[in-house]
Amino acid sequence: MSAVVNGHRRPPRLPGFLLGLGLGGFIDGIVLHQVLQWHHLLTGDLGGEPADTVAGLEANTLADGFFHLATWVLVVVGMAAAIRAWQRGEFAPPWRLQIGMLLAGWGVFNLVEGLIDHQILGLHHVRDDLGAPLGWDLGFLAFGALLVLAGLALARSAERQAIALAR
């Protein structure tokens, strides 16, 4: 259900956020894993599966497939949440709110993936094909933080405008 803020019903934020998580994962998987081939899910030192052997590529392709399946599920759940909100008559948000939450979701994906997979677990790095990937990992985290900040600012500006127009 939508929250009520200052006596006004706030459009749901969850659908855009979930879509951002899923689409952010798709962008990571498609661009970094497949198009640029900078890394796969398990190519880091602790991932244990090299990208330069057939067995390593087979294991990484399987892991990447499960990763894409998980991001697809996030997109489906985001779409289902949007449809349910629309059916309840709650879903008429300004585009800035939805795009803002989508950007915030993408940024949260980057932050979680960058901290957990890159730094804590060491499964892979943004650039596993280089000898010193830390700079790329930090850039990935900074980009994620910028997406969250920009997305939340965009969403908040839409909410402020909606409240001002309702007065």
N, C-alpha and C. Protein backbone atom coordinates (compact mmCIF):
# COMPACT_ATOMS: atom_id res chain seq x y z
N MET A 1 0.83 -1.18 0.00
CA MET A 1 0.00 0.00 0.00
C MET A 1 0.88 1.25 0.00
N SER A 2 0.34 2.31 -0.48
CA SER A 2 1.06 3.58 -0.53
C SER A 2 1.06 4.22 0.85
N ALA A 3 2.15 4.90 1.14
CA ALA A 3 2.24 5.63 2.40
C ALA A 3 1.50 6.95 2.26
N VAL A 4 1.07 7.48 3.40
CA VAL A 4 0.43 8.78 3.42
C VAL A 4 1.42 9.75 4.06
N VAL A 5 1.78 10.81 3.33
CA VAL A 5 2.73 11.81 3.80
C VAL A 5 2.04 13.16 3.77
N ASN A 6 2.01 13.84 4.94
CA ASN A 6 1.38 15.15 5.07
C ASN A 6 -0.06 15.14 4.53
N GLY A 7 -0.78 14.07 4.80
CA GLY A 7 -2.17 13.98 4.37
C GLY A 7 -2.35 13.62 2.90
N HIS A 8 -1.27 13.39 2.18
CA HIS A 8 -1.34 13.04 0.76
C HIS A 8 -0.81 11.63 0.55
N ARG A 9 -1.45 10.92 -0.33
CA ARG A 9 -1.05 9.56 -0.64
C ARG A 9 0.21 9.58 -1.51
N ARG A 10 1.23 8.88 -1.08
CA ARG A 10 2.50 8.83 -1.81
C ARG A 10 2.49 7.64 -2.76
N PRO A 11 2.80 7.83 -4.03
CA PRO A 11 2.85 6.70 -4.95
C PRO A 11 3.88 5.67 -4.49
N PRO A 12 3.68 4.40 -4.80
CA PRO A 12 4.61 3.36 -4.36
C PRO A 12 5.98 3.54 -5.00
N ARG A 13 7.00 3.30 -4.20
CA ARG A 13 8.38 3.40 -4.67
C ARG A 13 8.96 2.03 -5.00
N LEU A 14 8.42 0.98 -4.41
CA LEU A 14 9.00 -0.36 -4.55
C LEU A 14 9.09 -0.84 -6.00
N PRO A 15 8.06 -0.66 -6.83
CA PRO A 15 8.19 -1.17 -8.21
C PRO A 15 9.40 -0.59 -8.95
N GLY A 16 9.59 0.70 -8.89
CA GLY A 16 10.73 1.31 -9.57
C GLY A 16 12.06 0.84 -8.99
N PHE A 17 12.11 0.70 -7.66
CA PHE A 17 13.33 0.24 -7.00
C PHE A 17 13.69 -1.19 -7.43
N LEU A 18 12.69 -2.08 -7.42
CA LEU A 18 12.94 -3.47 -7.84
C LEU A 18 13.34 -3.55 -9.30
N LEU A 19 12.70 -2.75 -10.15
CA LEU A 19 13.09 -2.72 -11.56
C LEU A 19 14.53 -2.24 -11.70
N GLY A 20 14.92 -1.26 -10.91
CA GLY A 20 16.30 -0.78 -10.94
C GLY A 20 17.30 -1.84 -10.51
N LEU A 21 16.97 -2.59 -9.45
CA LEU A 21 17.85 -3.68 -9.03
C LEU A 21 18.05 -4.69 -10.16
N GLY A 22 16.94 -5.11 -10.76
CA GLY A 22 17.00 -6.12 -11.82
C GLY A 22 17.67 -5.60 -13.08
N LEU A 23 17.31 -4.41 -13.51
CA LEU A 23 17.90 -3.86 -14.73
C LEU A 23 19.36 -3.51 -14.52
N GLY A 24 19.73 -3.07 -13.32
CA GLY A 24 21.14 -2.84 -13.02
C GLY A 24 21.94 -4.12 -13.12
N GLY A 25 21.37 -5.22 -12.65
CA GLY A 25 22.02 -6.51 -12.79
C GLY A 25 22.15 -6.93 -14.24
N PHE A 26 21.10 -6.68 -15.01
CA PHE A 26 21.17 -6.99 -16.45
C PHE A 26 22.26 -6.19 -17.13
N ILE A 27 22.36 -4.89 -16.81
CA ILE A 27 23.39 -4.05 -17.43
C ILE A 27 24.77 -4.59 -17.06
N ASP A 28 24.97 -4.92 -15.79
CA ASP A 28 26.25 -5.49 -15.36
C ASP A 28 26.54 -6.78 -16.12
N GLY A 29 25.58 -7.68 -16.14
CA GLY A 29 25.80 -8.98 -16.77
C GLY A 29 26.00 -8.90 -18.27
N ILE A 30 25.19 -8.10 -18.92
CA ILE A 30 25.28 -8.02 -20.38
C ILE A 30 26.52 -7.23 -20.80
N VAL A 31 26.71 -6.05 -20.22
CA VAL A 31 27.82 -5.20 -20.67
C VAL A 31 29.17 -5.71 -20.15
N LEU A 32 29.31 -5.92 -18.85
CA LEU A 32 30.61 -6.28 -18.29
C LEU A 32 30.97 -7.75 -18.49
N HIS A 33 29.98 -8.65 -18.38
CA HIS A 33 30.28 -10.08 -18.53
C HIS A 33 30.35 -10.49 -19.99
N GLN A 34 29.38 -10.07 -20.78
CA GLN A 34 29.26 -10.61 -22.14
C GLN A 34 29.88 -9.72 -23.21
N VAL A 35 29.55 -8.43 -23.24
CA VAL A 35 30.02 -7.57 -24.32
C VAL A 35 31.50 -7.22 -24.15
N LEU A 36 31.86 -6.65 -23.00
CA LEU A 36 33.25 -6.26 -22.76
C LEU A 36 34.12 -7.44 -22.30
N GLN A 37 33.48 -8.45 -21.70
CA GLN A 37 34.16 -9.65 -21.19
C GLN A 37 35.27 -9.31 -20.21
N TRP A 38 35.00 -8.33 -19.33
CA TRP A 38 35.97 -7.93 -18.33
C TRP A 38 36.04 -8.93 -17.18
N HIS A 39 34.92 -9.56 -16.87
CA HIS A 39 34.89 -10.57 -15.82
C HIS A 39 33.66 -11.45 -16.01
N HIS A 40 33.65 -12.54 -15.28
CA HIS A 40 32.46 -13.38 -15.13
C HIS A 40 32.22 -13.49 -13.63
N LEU A 41 31.19 -14.18 -13.25
CA LEU A 41 30.81 -14.20 -11.84
C LEU A 41 31.89 -14.81 -10.94
N LEU A 42 32.63 -15.79 -11.42
CA LEU A 42 33.58 -16.51 -10.56
C LEU A 42 35.04 -16.37 -10.99
N THR A 43 35.42 -15.30 -11.69
CA THR A 43 36.78 -15.20 -12.21
C THR A 43 37.79 -14.56 -11.26
N GLY A 44 37.38 -14.12 -10.10
CA GLY A 44 38.31 -13.50 -9.15
C GLY A 44 39.18 -14.53 -8.47
N ASP A 45 40.11 -14.05 -7.66
CA ASP A 45 41.04 -14.94 -6.96
C ASP A 45 40.32 -15.97 -6.11
N LEU A 46 39.25 -15.55 -5.44
CA LEU A 46 38.51 -16.48 -4.58
C LEU A 46 37.33 -17.13 -5.29
N GLY A 47 37.05 -16.70 -6.53
CA GLY A 47 35.98 -17.33 -7.30
C GLY A 47 36.37 -18.72 -7.78
N GLY A 48 37.67 -18.89 -8.03
CA GLY A 48 38.19 -20.22 -8.33
C GLY A 48 38.00 -20.72 -9.74
N GLU A 49 37.41 -19.94 -10.63
CA GLU A 49 37.16 -20.42 -11.99
C GLU A 49 37.79 -19.46 -12.99
N PRO A 50 38.92 -19.83 -13.60
CA PRO A 50 39.59 -18.93 -14.54
C PRO A 50 38.78 -18.75 -15.82
N ALA A 51 38.99 -17.61 -16.45
CA ALA A 51 38.30 -17.32 -17.71
C ALA A 51 39.08 -17.81 -18.92
N ASP A 52 40.26 -18.39 -18.69
CA ASP A 52 41.11 -18.79 -19.82
C ASP A 52 41.19 -20.30 -20.03
N THR A 53 40.26 -21.05 -19.43
CA THR A 53 40.17 -22.49 -19.69
C THR A 53 38.74 -22.81 -20.08
N VAL A 54 38.57 -23.91 -20.80
CA VAL A 54 37.22 -24.31 -21.20
C VAL A 54 36.39 -24.64 -19.96
N ALA A 55 36.96 -25.38 -19.02
CA ALA A 55 36.22 -25.73 -17.80
C ALA A 55 35.85 -24.47 -17.01
N GLY A 56 36.77 -23.52 -16.93
CA GLY A 56 36.48 -22.27 -16.22
C GLY A 56 35.38 -21.47 -16.89
N LEU A 57 35.43 -21.40 -18.22
CA LEU A 57 34.37 -20.69 -18.95
C LEU A 57 33.02 -21.38 -18.81
N GLU A 58 33.02 -22.72 -18.80
CA GLU A 58 31.76 -23.44 -18.61
C GLU A 58 31.17 -23.14 -17.24
N ALA A 59 32.00 -23.18 -16.19
CA ALA A 59 31.52 -22.89 -14.83
C ALA A 59 31.04 -21.45 -14.72
N ASN A 60 31.79 -20.53 -15.33
CA ASN A 60 31.41 -19.12 -15.28
C ASN A 60 30.15 -18.84 -16.08
N THR A 61 29.98 -19.51 -17.21
CA THR A 61 28.76 -19.34 -18.01
C THR A 61 27.55 -19.81 -17.22
N LEU A 62 27.68 -20.93 -16.52
CA LEU A 62 26.58 -21.43 -15.69
C LEU A 62 26.27 -20.44 -14.56
N ALA A 63 27.31 -19.98 -13.86
CA ALA A 63 27.10 -19.02 -12.77
C ALA A 63 26.49 -17.72 -13.30
N ASP A 64 26.98 -17.24 -14.45
CA ASP A 64 26.41 -16.03 -15.06
C ASP A 64 24.95 -16.25 -15.42
N GLY A 65 24.61 -17.45 -15.89
CA GLY A 65 23.22 -17.75 -16.22
C GLY A 65 22.32 -17.68 -15.01
N PHE A 66 22.77 -18.23 -13.87
CA PHE A 66 21.97 -18.13 -12.65
C PHE A 66 21.85 -16.68 -12.18
N PHE A 67 22.92 -15.92 -12.36
CA PHE A 67 22.89 -14.50 -12.03
C PHE A 67 21.84 -13.78 -12.88
N HIS A 68 21.83 -14.04 -14.19
CA HIS A 68 20.84 -13.41 -15.07
C HIS A 68 19.43 -13.85 -14.72
N LEU A 69 19.26 -15.09 -14.33
CA LEU A 69 17.96 -15.58 -13.91
C LEU A 69 17.48 -14.81 -12.67
N ALA A 70 18.38 -14.57 -11.72
CA ALA A 70 18.01 -13.82 -10.51
C ALA A 70 17.62 -12.38 -10.86
N THR A 71 18.35 -11.75 -11.77
CA THR A 71 18.01 -10.37 -12.15
C THR A 71 16.69 -10.34 -12.91
N TRP A 72 16.43 -11.37 -13.70
CA TRP A 72 15.15 -11.46 -14.41
C TRP A 72 14.01 -11.57 -13.40
N VAL A 73 14.20 -12.37 -12.35
CA VAL A 73 13.17 -12.52 -11.32
C VAL A 73 12.90 -11.17 -10.65
N LEU A 74 13.94 -10.38 -10.38
CA LEU A 74 13.73 -9.05 -9.80
C LEU A 74 12.90 -8.16 -10.71
N VAL A 75 13.15 -8.23 -12.01
CA VAL A 75 12.36 -7.43 -12.96
C VAL A 75 10.91 -7.90 -12.96
N VAL A 76 10.68 -9.20 -12.95
CA VAL A 76 9.31 -9.73 -12.93
C VAL A 76 8.59 -9.32 -11.64
N VAL A 77 9.27 -9.41 -10.51
CA VAL A 77 8.65 -9.01 -9.24
C VAL A 77 8.36 -7.51 -9.25
N GLY A 78 9.27 -6.70 -9.81
CA GLY A 78 9.02 -5.27 -9.93
C GLY A 78 7.81 -4.98 -10.81
N MET A 79 7.70 -5.70 -11.92
CA MET A 79 6.54 -5.52 -12.80
C MET A 79 5.25 -5.95 -12.09
N ALA A 80 5.31 -7.07 -11.36
CA ALA A 80 4.12 -7.53 -10.63
C ALA A 80 3.72 -6.51 -9.56
N ALA A 81 4.70 -5.92 -8.87
CA ALA A 81 4.39 -4.91 -7.87
C ALA A 81 3.75 -3.67 -8.52
N ALA A 82 4.25 -3.30 -9.70
CA ALA A 82 3.67 -2.16 -10.42
C ALA A 82 2.22 -2.46 -10.84
N ILE A 83 1.98 -3.65 -11.34
CA ILE A 83 0.63 -4.03 -11.78
C ILE A 83 -0.32 -4.08 -10.59
N ARG A 84 0.13 -4.65 -9.45
CA ARG A 84 -0.73 -4.71 -8.26
C ARG A 84 -1.08 -3.31 -7.76
N ALA A 85 -0.09 -2.42 -7.75
CA ALA A 85 -0.36 -1.04 -7.31
C ALA A 85 -1.35 -0.37 -8.25
N TRP A 86 -1.19 -0.58 -9.54
CA TRP A 86 -2.10 0.00 -10.52
C TRP A 86 -3.51 -0.56 -10.32
N GLN A 87 -3.64 -1.87 -10.05
CA GLN A 87 -4.95 -2.48 -9.82
C GLN A 87 -5.62 -1.92 -8.56
N ARG A 88 -4.83 -1.53 -7.57
CA ARG A 88 -5.37 -0.93 -6.35
C ARG A 88 -5.64 0.56 -6.53
N GLY A 89 -5.35 1.07 -7.71
CA GLY A 89 -5.57 2.48 -7.97
C GLY A 89 -4.51 3.38 -7.37
N GLU A 90 -3.37 2.82 -7.00
CA GLU A 90 -2.31 3.59 -6.35
C GLU A 90 -1.24 4.06 -7.31
N PHE A 91 -1.21 3.57 -8.48
CA PHE A 91 -0.04 3.76 -9.33
C PHE A 91 -0.26 4.84 -10.38
N ALA A 92 0.04 6.06 -10.00
CA ALA A 92 0.00 7.15 -10.97
C ALA A 92 1.13 8.12 -10.62
N PRO A 93 2.37 7.59 -10.49
CA PRO A 93 3.47 8.44 -10.06
C PRO A 93 4.01 9.29 -11.19
N PRO A 94 4.60 10.42 -10.85
CA PRO A 94 5.29 11.20 -11.86
C PRO A 94 6.49 10.40 -12.38
N TRP A 95 6.87 10.68 -13.62
CA TRP A 95 7.98 9.92 -14.21
C TRP A 95 9.26 10.10 -13.41
N ARG A 96 9.48 11.28 -12.81
CA ARG A 96 10.71 11.50 -12.05
C ARG A 96 10.81 10.58 -10.83
N LEU A 97 9.67 10.26 -10.24
CA LEU A 97 9.69 9.34 -9.10
C LEU A 97 10.10 7.95 -9.56
N GLN A 98 9.48 7.47 -10.63
CA GLN A 98 9.80 6.12 -11.09
C GLN A 98 11.23 6.01 -11.60
N ILE A 99 11.67 6.98 -12.40
CA ILE A 99 13.05 6.96 -12.91
C ILE A 99 14.03 7.12 -11.74
N GLY A 100 13.69 7.98 -10.80
CA GLY A 100 14.55 8.16 -9.63
C GLY A 100 14.71 6.87 -8.83
N MET A 101 13.61 6.17 -8.60
CA MET A 101 13.70 4.92 -7.85
C MET A 101 14.42 3.84 -8.66
N LEU A 102 14.24 3.86 -9.98
CA LEU A 102 14.96 2.91 -10.83
C LEU A 102 16.47 3.17 -10.72
N LEU A 103 16.89 4.42 -10.79
CA LEU A 103 18.31 4.75 -10.64
C LEU A 103 18.82 4.36 -9.26
N ALA A 104 18.02 4.61 -8.22
CA ALA A 104 18.43 4.24 -6.86
C ALA A 104 18.58 2.72 -6.74
N GLY A 105 17.66 1.97 -7.34
CA GLY A 105 17.77 0.51 -7.32
C GLY A 105 19.02 0.02 -8.03
N TRP A 106 19.32 0.62 -9.19
CA TRP A 106 20.53 0.26 -9.92
C TRP A 106 21.76 0.57 -9.06
N GLY A 107 21.76 1.72 -8.41
CA GLY A 107 22.88 2.08 -7.56
C GLY A 107 23.05 1.13 -6.39
N VAL A 108 21.95 0.74 -5.76
CA VAL A 108 22.02 -0.21 -4.65
C VAL A 108 22.56 -1.54 -5.15
N PHE A 109 22.13 -1.97 -6.35
CA PHE A 109 22.70 -3.20 -6.92
C PHE A 109 24.22 -3.07 -7.00
N ASN A 110 24.71 -1.96 -7.58
CA ASN A 110 26.16 -1.77 -7.73
C ASN A 110 26.86 -1.77 -6.37
N LEU A 111 26.28 -1.10 -5.38
CA LEU A 111 26.91 -1.03 -4.07
C LEU A 111 26.97 -2.41 -3.40
N VAL A 112 25.87 -3.13 -3.43
CA VAL A 112 25.84 -4.46 -2.81
C VAL A 112 26.77 -5.42 -3.55
N GLU A 113 26.66 -5.43 -4.87
CA GLU A 113 27.50 -6.32 -5.67
C GLU A 113 28.97 -5.95 -5.52
N GLY A 114 29.26 -4.65 -5.54
CA GLY A 114 30.64 -4.20 -5.42
C GLY A 114 31.25 -4.50 -4.06
N LEU A 115 30.48 -4.31 -3.00
CA LEU A 115 31.00 -4.59 -1.66
C LEU A 115 31.10 -6.09 -1.39
N ILE A 116 30.03 -6.82 -1.70
CA ILE A 116 30.02 -8.25 -1.35
C ILE A 116 30.86 -9.08 -2.33
N ASP A 117 30.53 -9.03 -3.62
CA ASP A 117 31.23 -9.89 -4.58
C ASP A 117 32.66 -9.45 -4.84
N HIS A 118 32.89 -8.14 -4.97
CA HIS A 118 34.23 -7.66 -5.31
C HIS A 118 35.15 -7.62 -4.09
N GLN A 119 34.67 -7.05 -2.98
CA GLN A 119 35.56 -6.79 -1.85
C GLN A 119 35.52 -7.89 -0.78
N ILE A 120 34.33 -8.25 -0.29
CA ILE A 120 34.26 -9.19 0.82
C ILE A 120 34.53 -10.62 0.38
N LEU A 121 33.81 -11.10 -0.63
CA LEU A 121 33.98 -12.48 -1.07
C LEU A 121 35.11 -12.65 -2.09
N GLY A 122 35.45 -11.60 -2.80
CA GLY A 122 36.51 -11.69 -3.81
C GLY A 122 36.18 -12.62 -4.96
N LEU A 123 34.89 -12.77 -5.28
CA LEU A 123 34.50 -13.67 -6.36
C LEU A 123 34.99 -13.19 -7.72
N HIS A 124 34.96 -11.87 -7.91
CA HIS A 124 35.47 -11.26 -9.13
C HIS A 124 35.65 -9.77 -8.88
N HIS A 125 36.26 -9.11 -9.83
CA HIS A 125 36.42 -7.66 -9.79
C HIS A 125 35.88 -7.10 -11.09
N VAL A 126 35.69 -5.78 -11.15
CA VAL A 126 35.19 -5.17 -12.38
C VAL A 126 36.10 -5.55 -13.55
N ARG A 127 37.40 -5.46 -13.34
CA ARG A 127 38.37 -5.83 -14.38
C ARG A 127 39.25 -6.95 -13.84
N ASP A 128 38.87 -8.19 -14.08
CA ASP A 128 39.71 -9.32 -13.69
C ASP A 128 40.85 -9.53 -14.68
N ASP A 129 40.79 -8.84 -15.81
CA ASP A 129 41.82 -9.02 -16.82
C ASP A 129 43.02 -8.11 -16.58
N LEU A 130 43.02 -7.35 -15.50
CA LEU A 130 44.12 -6.47 -15.15
C LEU A 130 44.80 -6.94 -13.87
N GLY A 131 46.02 -6.50 -13.67
CA GLY A 131 46.75 -6.92 -12.49
C GLY A 131 46.35 -6.20 -11.22
N ALA A 132 45.79 -5.00 -11.32
CA ALA A 132 45.44 -4.20 -10.14
C ALA A 132 44.02 -3.66 -10.30
N PRO A 133 43.01 -4.46 -9.95
CA PRO A 133 41.63 -4.07 -10.23
C PRO A 133 40.98 -3.13 -9.21
N LEU A 134 41.68 -2.76 -8.14
CA LEU A 134 41.05 -1.99 -7.07
C LEU A 134 40.49 -0.66 -7.56
N GLY A 135 41.20 0.05 -8.43
CA GLY A 135 40.71 1.33 -8.93
C GLY A 135 39.39 1.18 -9.66
N TRP A 136 39.26 0.15 -10.46
CA TRP A 136 38.00 -0.11 -11.17
C TRP A 136 36.88 -0.44 -10.19
N ASP A 137 37.21 -1.24 -9.15
CA ASP A 137 36.20 -1.58 -8.14
C ASP A 137 35.72 -0.33 -7.40
N LEU A 138 36.65 0.55 -7.05
CA LEU A 138 36.27 1.77 -6.35
C LEU A 138 35.43 2.68 -7.25
N GLY A 139 35.78 2.74 -8.53
CA GLY A 139 34.98 3.51 -9.48
C GLY A 139 33.57 2.97 -9.60
N PHE A 140 33.43 1.64 -9.60
CA PHE A 140 32.13 0.98 -9.66
C PHE A 140 31.29 1.34 -8.44
N LEU A 141 31.93 1.34 -7.26
CA LEU A 141 31.23 1.71 -6.02
C LEU A 141 30.83 3.19 -6.05
N ALA A 142 31.72 4.04 -6.51
CA ALA A 142 31.41 5.48 -6.59
C ALA A 142 30.25 5.72 -7.55
N PHE A 143 30.25 5.03 -8.70
CA PHE A 143 29.16 5.15 -9.65
C PHE A 143 27.84 4.70 -9.01
N GLY A 144 27.88 3.60 -8.25
CA GLY A 144 26.68 3.13 -7.55
C GLY A 144 26.18 4.15 -6.55
N ALA A 145 27.08 4.76 -5.79
CA ALA A 145 26.67 5.77 -4.81
C ALA A 145 26.07 6.99 -5.51
N LEU A 146 26.65 7.40 -6.64
CA LEU A 146 26.09 8.53 -7.40
C LEU A 146 24.71 8.20 -7.93
N LEU A 147 24.51 6.97 -8.40
CA LEU A 147 23.18 6.57 -8.88
C LEU A 147 22.15 6.64 -7.76
N VAL A 148 22.51 6.17 -6.57
CA VAL A 148 21.59 6.21 -5.43
C VAL A 148 21.25 7.66 -5.08
N LEU A 149 22.27 8.49 -4.96
CA LEU A 149 22.04 9.89 -4.58
C LEU A 149 21.21 10.63 -5.63
N ALA A 150 21.56 10.48 -6.91
CA ALA A 150 20.82 11.14 -7.98
C ALA A 150 19.39 10.62 -8.05
N GLY A 151 19.23 9.30 -7.92
CA GLY A 151 17.90 8.71 -7.98
C GLY A 151 17.00 9.17 -6.86
N LEU A 152 17.53 9.19 -5.64
CA LEU A 152 16.72 9.65 -4.50
C LEU A 152 16.40 11.14 -4.62
N ALA A 153 17.35 11.94 -5.10
CA ALA A 153 17.08 13.37 -5.29
C ALA A 153 15.97 13.57 -6.32
N LEU A 154 16.02 12.81 -7.41
CA LEU A 154 15.00 12.92 -8.45
C LEU A 154 13.63 12.50 -7.89
N ALA A 155 13.60 11.39 -7.15
CA ALA A 155 12.34 10.91 -6.57
C ALA A 155 11.78 11.92 -5.56
N ARG A 156 12.64 12.48 -4.73
CA ARG A 156 12.18 13.45 -3.73
C ARG A 156 11.65 14.72 -4.39
N SER A 157 12.31 15.14 -5.46
CA SER A 157 11.83 16.35 -6.14
C SER A 157 10.44 16.12 -6.72
N ALA A 158 10.17 14.92 -7.21
CA ALA A 158 8.85 14.60 -7.74
C ALA A 158 7.82 14.60 -6.62
N GLU A 159 8.17 14.06 -5.45
CA GLU A 159 7.24 14.05 -4.33
C GLU A 159 6.95 15.46 -3.83
N ARG A 160 7.98 16.29 -3.74
CA ARG A 160 7.76 17.67 -3.31
C ARG A 160 6.84 18.41 -4.28
N GLN A 161 7.04 18.18 -5.57
CA GLN A 161 6.21 18.83 -6.58
C GLN A 161 4.77 18.34 -6.47
N ALA A 162 4.58 17.05 -6.27
CA ALA A 162 3.23 16.50 -6.16
C ALA A 162 2.51 17.07 -4.94
N ILE A 163 3.22 17.21 -3.82
CA ILE A 163 2.60 17.77 -2.61
C ILE A 163 2.25 19.24 -2.83
N ALA A 164 3.15 19.99 -3.49
CA ALA A 164 2.89 21.41 -3.75
C ALA A 164 1.68 21.57 -4.67
N LEU A 165 1.54 20.73 -5.67
CA LEU A 165 0.41 20.82 -6.59
C LEU A 165 -0.92 20.42 -5.94
N ALA A 166 -0.85 19.55 -4.93
CA ALA A 166 -2.05 19.09 -4.25
C ALA A 166 -2.60 20.13 -3.27
N ARG A 167 -1.80 21.12 -2.93
CA ARG A 167 -2.24 22.11 -1.94
C ARG A 167 -3.15 23.11 -2.52
